[in-house]
Amino acid sequence: MTWLPNLVGVDFDFAKKRGGIETIHALGLPGMVAPKTAGEIMANRIASLIQSS
């Protein structure tokens, strides 16, 4: 068990126990596979957060 908080918004233990859902922790995958699209999505989300505050 790790002491780090869940930074990705996924409860991996719950997914496995309740739904039998197999998950992987691949934080860098979007940036490695589709860096332009991942960057656009992040930029759009950050802009919307700034505008709403």
N, C-alpha and C. Protein backbone atom coordinates (compact mmCIF):
# COMPACT_ATOMS: atom_id res chain seq x y z
N MET A 1 0.85 -1.18 0.00
CA MET A 1 0.00 0.00 0.00
C MET A 1 0.89 1.24 0.00
N THR A 2 0.49 2.22 -0.74
CA THR A 2 1.27 3.44 -0.84
C THR A 2 0.66 4.54 0.00
N TRP A 3 1.45 5.47 0.43
CA TRP A 3 0.96 6.59 1.22
C TRP A 3 0.57 7.78 0.34
N LEU A 4 0.87 7.70 -0.95
CA LEU A 4 0.54 8.80 -1.85
C LEU A 4 -0.96 8.84 -2.10
N PRO A 5 -1.53 10.04 -2.21
CA PRO A 5 -2.96 10.12 -2.52
C PRO A 5 -3.22 9.70 -3.96
N ASN A 6 -4.44 9.35 -4.24
CA ASN A 6 -4.83 8.98 -5.59
C ASN A 6 -4.90 10.25 -6.43
N LEU A 7 -3.95 10.44 -7.31
CA LEU A 7 -3.86 11.67 -8.07
C LEU A 7 -4.55 11.60 -9.42
N VAL A 8 -5.08 10.47 -9.79
CA VAL A 8 -5.67 10.33 -11.12
C VAL A 8 -7.19 10.22 -11.09
N GLY A 9 -7.79 10.20 -9.93
CA GLY A 9 -9.24 10.16 -9.85
C GLY A 9 -9.84 8.79 -10.10
N VAL A 10 -9.04 7.75 -10.04
CA VAL A 10 -9.53 6.38 -10.27
C VAL A 10 -9.29 5.57 -9.00
N ASP A 11 -10.33 4.92 -8.53
CA ASP A 11 -10.19 4.03 -7.37
C ASP A 11 -9.93 2.63 -7.90
N PHE A 12 -8.65 2.30 -8.05
CA PHE A 12 -8.25 1.03 -8.66
C PHE A 12 -8.72 -0.16 -7.84
N ASP A 13 -8.65 -0.07 -6.52
CA ASP A 13 -9.10 -1.19 -5.67
C ASP A 13 -10.59 -1.44 -5.82
N PHE A 14 -11.38 -0.36 -5.83
CA PHE A 14 -12.83 -0.50 -5.99
C PHE A 14 -13.17 -1.11 -7.34
N ALA A 15 -12.51 -0.65 -8.39
CA ALA A 15 -12.78 -1.18 -9.73
C ALA A 15 -12.53 -2.68 -9.78
N LYS A 16 -11.47 -3.11 -9.14
CA LYS A 16 -11.13 -4.54 -9.15
C LYS A 16 -12.09 -5.35 -8.29
N LYS A 17 -12.37 -4.85 -7.07
CA LYS A 17 -13.20 -5.62 -6.14
C LYS A 17 -14.67 -5.66 -6.55
N ARG A 18 -15.23 -4.52 -6.92
CA ARG A 18 -16.66 -4.45 -7.19
C ARG A 18 -17.05 -4.78 -8.62
N GLY A 19 -16.24 -4.36 -9.55
CA GLY A 19 -16.63 -4.54 -10.93
C GLY A 19 -15.80 -5.55 -11.68
N GLY A 20 -14.75 -6.04 -11.05
CA GLY A 20 -13.86 -6.95 -11.76
C GLY A 20 -13.18 -6.27 -12.94
N ILE A 21 -13.06 -4.95 -12.86
CA ILE A 21 -12.49 -4.18 -13.96
C ILE A 21 -10.98 -4.15 -13.82
N GLU A 22 -10.28 -4.57 -14.85
CA GLU A 22 -8.82 -4.52 -14.84
C GLU A 22 -8.38 -3.12 -15.28
N THR A 23 -7.56 -2.48 -14.48
CA THR A 23 -7.10 -1.13 -14.78
C THR A 23 -5.58 -1.11 -14.86
N ILE A 24 -5.06 -0.13 -15.55
CA ILE A 24 -3.62 0.09 -15.58
C ILE A 24 -3.36 1.55 -15.23
N HIS A 25 -2.23 1.80 -14.62
CA HIS A 25 -1.84 3.14 -14.23
C HIS A 25 -0.84 3.65 -15.27
N ALA A 26 -1.35 4.32 -16.30
CA ALA A 26 -0.52 4.76 -17.41
C ALA A 26 -0.61 6.27 -17.57
N LEU A 27 -0.06 6.99 -16.62
CA LEU A 27 -0.19 8.45 -16.61
C LEU A 27 0.41 9.11 -17.83
N GLY A 28 1.51 8.62 -18.35
CA GLY A 28 2.17 9.26 -19.47
C GLY A 28 1.66 8.81 -20.83
N LEU A 29 0.73 7.87 -20.85
CA LEU A 29 0.29 7.30 -22.12
C LEU A 29 -0.32 8.33 -23.08
N PRO A 30 -1.24 9.19 -22.66
CA PRO A 30 -1.80 10.15 -23.63
C PRO A 30 -0.73 11.04 -24.26
N GLY A 31 0.21 11.50 -23.48
CA GLY A 31 1.26 12.35 -24.01
C GLY A 31 2.22 11.62 -24.93
N MET A 32 2.39 10.33 -24.73
CA MET A 32 3.29 9.56 -25.58
C MET A 32 2.62 9.14 -26.89
N VAL A 33 1.33 8.85 -26.83
CA VAL A 33 0.62 8.34 -27.99
C VAL A 33 0.08 9.47 -28.87
N ALA A 34 -0.48 10.49 -28.24
CA ALA A 34 -1.10 11.59 -28.99
C ALA A 34 -0.77 12.92 -28.29
N PRO A 35 0.48 13.36 -28.35
CA PRO A 35 0.87 14.54 -27.58
C PRO A 35 0.13 15.82 -27.97
N LYS A 36 -0.14 16.01 -29.24
CA LYS A 36 -0.83 17.23 -29.66
C LYS A 36 -2.26 17.26 -29.12
N THR A 37 -2.97 16.15 -29.28
CA THR A 37 -4.35 16.08 -28.79
C THR A 37 -4.39 16.19 -27.27
N ALA A 38 -3.47 15.50 -26.59
CA ALA A 38 -3.43 15.58 -25.12
C ALA A 38 -3.17 17.00 -24.68
N GLY A 39 -2.27 17.70 -25.35
CA GLY A 39 -1.97 19.09 -25.01
C GLY A 39 -3.16 20.01 -25.26
N GLU A 40 -3.87 19.79 -26.36
CA GLU A 40 -5.06 20.60 -26.64
C GLU A 40 -6.14 20.39 -25.60
N ILE A 41 -6.35 19.15 -25.21
CA ILE A 41 -7.36 18.85 -24.19
C ILE A 41 -6.99 19.52 -22.87
N MET A 42 -5.73 19.40 -22.47
CA MET A 42 -5.29 20.03 -21.21
C MET A 42 -5.42 21.55 -21.29
N ALA A 43 -5.02 22.14 -22.40
CA ALA A 43 -5.10 23.60 -22.55
C ALA A 43 -6.55 24.07 -22.48
N ASN A 44 -7.45 23.36 -23.15
CA ASN A 44 -8.86 23.73 -23.11
C ASN A 44 -9.43 23.64 -21.71
N ARG A 45 -9.06 22.59 -21.01
CA ARG A 45 -9.59 22.40 -19.64
C ARG A 45 -9.04 23.47 -18.69
N ILE A 46 -7.77 23.77 -18.80
CA ILE A 46 -7.18 24.80 -17.94
C ILE A 46 -7.81 26.15 -18.23
N ALA A 47 -8.02 26.45 -19.52
CA ALA A 47 -8.66 27.72 -19.88
C ALA A 47 -10.07 27.81 -19.31
N SER A 48 -10.83 26.71 -19.36
CA SER A 48 -12.19 26.75 -18.82
C SER A 48 -12.18 26.90 -17.30
N LEU A 49 -11.19 26.31 -16.64
CA LEU A 49 -11.09 26.47 -15.18
C LEU A 49 -10.76 27.92 -14.81
N ILE A 50 -9.88 28.54 -15.58
CA ILE A 50 -9.51 29.93 -15.32
C ILE A 50 -10.71 30.84 -15.55
N GLN A 51 -11.45 30.62 -16.63
CA GLN A 51 -12.61 31.45 -16.93
C GLN A 51 -13.71 31.31 -15.91
N SER A 52 -13.87 30.13 -15.33
CA SER A 52 -14.95 29.92 -14.37
C SER A 52 -14.61 30.41 -12.97
N SER A 53 -13.34 30.75 -12.74
CA SER A 53 -12.98 31.21 -11.37
C SER A 53 -13.03 32.70 -11.24
